[in-house]
Amino acid sequence: MRTTEEVLKDHLELSKKGSIEEDLQKNFSKDLILLTTHGIYKGHEGLRELNKMLIKDFPEAEFNYINFLSEDEIAFLEWTAYSDSSQIDDGADSYIVREGLIIAQTIHYTIRKIN
């Protein structure tokens, strides 16, 4: 069984590569619950929808992972992201990992337009 840290490191690597479907299959429960700045989303389809929203609102972004903490089933990630026209300075996600899969995640970020 993979640890929380192993699951999250795999998720972050696949996320940076844009491998959403592989990430979903390897790292996320089909019963996933997502609590986000934009509302509540459920399951793989909910994560696909959030991913599409982020790509649409923030194309060609470069993500930087600032702080990663994990303890037992819980993990926390602080992140930033930049593109030619926008940036995110306040990205913060938390995760619950059980039996090698992410079962719950919170996602917060604010997109700020750059002149």
Protein backbone atom coordinates (compact mmCIF):
# COMPACT_ATOMS: atom_id res chain seq x y z
CA MET A 1 0.00 0.00 0.00
CA ARG A 2 1.37 3.41 -0.97
CA THR A 3 1.82 6.05 1.71
CA THR A 4 0.10 9.44 1.60
CA GLU A 5 3.38 11.04 0.57
CA GLU A 6 3.89 8.54 -2.28
CA VAL A 7 0.35 9.08 -3.59
CA LEU A 8 0.71 12.86 -3.50
CA LYS A 9 4.13 12.90 -5.13
CA ASP A 10 2.77 10.74 -7.95
CA HIS A 11 -0.29 13.02 -8.26
CA LEU A 12 1.86 16.15 -8.47
CA GLU A 13 4.20 14.63 -11.06
CA LEU A 14 1.29 13.51 -13.27
CA SER A 15 -0.47 16.84 -12.76
CA LYS A 16 2.57 18.79 -13.97
CA LYS A 17 2.70 16.54 -17.06
CA GLY A 18 -1.00 17.15 -17.75
CA SER A 19 -1.79 13.41 -17.44
CA ILE A 20 -5.24 13.86 -15.89
CA GLU A 21 -6.67 10.46 -16.87
CA GLU A 22 -3.65 8.50 -15.63
CA ASP A 23 -3.70 10.59 -12.44
CA LEU A 24 -7.40 9.86 -11.88
CA GLN A 25 -6.94 6.11 -12.31
CA LYS A 26 -3.82 5.81 -10.15
CA ASN A 27 -4.40 8.33 -7.39
CA PHE A 28 -8.06 9.27 -6.89
CA SER A 29 -11.01 7.36 -5.47
CA LYS A 30 -14.07 7.19 -7.71
CA ASP A 31 -16.00 8.48 -4.67
CA LEU A 32 -13.74 11.55 -4.35
CA ILE A 33 -15.17 14.67 -2.66
CA LEU A 34 -13.69 18.06 -3.67
CA LEU A 35 -14.37 21.22 -1.68
CA THR A 36 -13.18 24.22 -3.67
CA THR A 37 -13.31 27.95 -4.13
CA HIS A 38 -15.87 27.23 -6.88
CA GLY A 39 -18.12 24.82 -4.96
CA ILE A 40 -18.42 21.11 -4.21
CA TYR A 41 -17.50 18.54 -6.88
CA LYS A 42 -17.67 14.76 -6.72
CA GLY A 43 -15.91 11.82 -8.30
CA HIS A 44 -13.63 11.64 -11.30
CA GLU A 45 -16.04 13.69 -13.40
CA GLY A 46 -15.94 16.50 -10.85
CA LEU A 47 -12.14 16.59 -10.96
CA ARG A 48 -12.20 16.56 -14.77
CA GLU A 49 -14.57 19.54 -14.70
CA LEU A 50 -12.31 21.47 -12.30
CA ASN A 51 -9.26 20.67 -14.43
CA LYS A 52 -11.00 21.99 -17.56
CA MET A 53 -12.00 25.14 -15.69
CA LEU A 54 -8.42 25.80 -14.56
CA ILE A 55 -7.01 25.22 -18.05
CA LYS A 56 -9.63 27.53 -19.58
CA ASP A 57 -9.13 30.28 -16.98
CA PHE A 58 -5.37 29.88 -16.72
CA PRO A 59 -3.86 28.42 -19.92
CA GLU A 60 -0.14 27.76 -20.32
CA ALA A 61 0.46 28.04 -16.57
CA GLU A 62 3.68 27.04 -14.85
CA PHE A 63 3.07 25.60 -11.36
CA ASN A 64 5.49 25.79 -8.46
CA TYR A 65 5.05 23.70 -5.32
CA ILE A 66 6.18 25.76 -2.32
CA ASN A 67 5.42 23.66 0.75
CA PHE A 68 4.36 20.03 1.11
CA LEU A 69 3.47 18.42 4.44
CA SER A 70 1.99 15.00 5.18
CA GLU A 71 1.11 13.09 8.31
CA ASP A 72 -0.73 9.76 8.31
CA GLU A 73 -3.77 10.20 5.99
CA ILE A 74 -3.56 14.00 5.67
CA ALA A 75 -1.45 16.19 3.38
CA PHE A 76 -1.17 19.92 2.68
CA LEU A 77 0.27 21.69 -0.36
CA GLU A 78 0.99 25.39 -0.90
CA TRP A 79 1.57 26.41 -4.51
CA THR A 80 1.88 29.29 -6.94
CA ALA A 81 1.40 29.47 -10.70
CA TYR A 82 2.28 31.92 -13.45
CA SER A 83 1.42 32.54 -17.08
CA ASP A 84 2.00 35.47 -19.44
CA SER A 85 -1.26 37.13 -18.42
CA SER A 86 -2.08 35.86 -14.91
CA GLN A 87 -0.69 34.52 -11.68
CA ILE A 88 -1.77 32.66 -8.57
CA ASP A 89 0.02 33.51 -5.34
CA ASP A 90 -2.25 31.80 -2.80
CA GLY A 91 -2.75 28.20 -3.97
CA ALA A 92 -3.51 25.87 -1.06
CA ASP A 93 -4.75 22.28 -1.26
CA SER A 94 -5.35 19.69 1.43
CA TYR A 95 -5.87 15.98 0.93
CA ILE A 96 -7.09 12.89 2.73
CA VAL A 97 -5.57 9.65 1.41
CA ARG A 98 -6.97 6.28 2.37
CA GLU A 99 -5.93 2.84 1.10
CA GLY A 100 -3.59 4.42 -1.46
CA LEU A 101 -6.14 6.80 -3.02
CA ILE A 102 -7.12 10.42 -2.50
CA ILE A 103 -10.67 10.34 -1.09
CA ALA A 104 -11.05 14.06 -0.33
CA GLN A 105 -9.36 17.28 -1.40
CA THR A 106 -9.80 20.97 -0.74
CA ILE A 107 -8.60 23.45 -3.36
CA HIS A 108 -8.19 27.21 -2.97
CA TYR A 109 -6.63 29.75 -5.33
CA THR A 110 -7.19 33.25 -6.68
CA ILE A 111 -6.27 34.11 -10.27
CA ARG A 112 -4.86 37.62 -10.59
CA LYS A 113 -4.54 39.22 -14.02
CA ILE A 114 -1.20 40.80 -14.89
CA ASN A 115 -1.21 43.92 -17.11
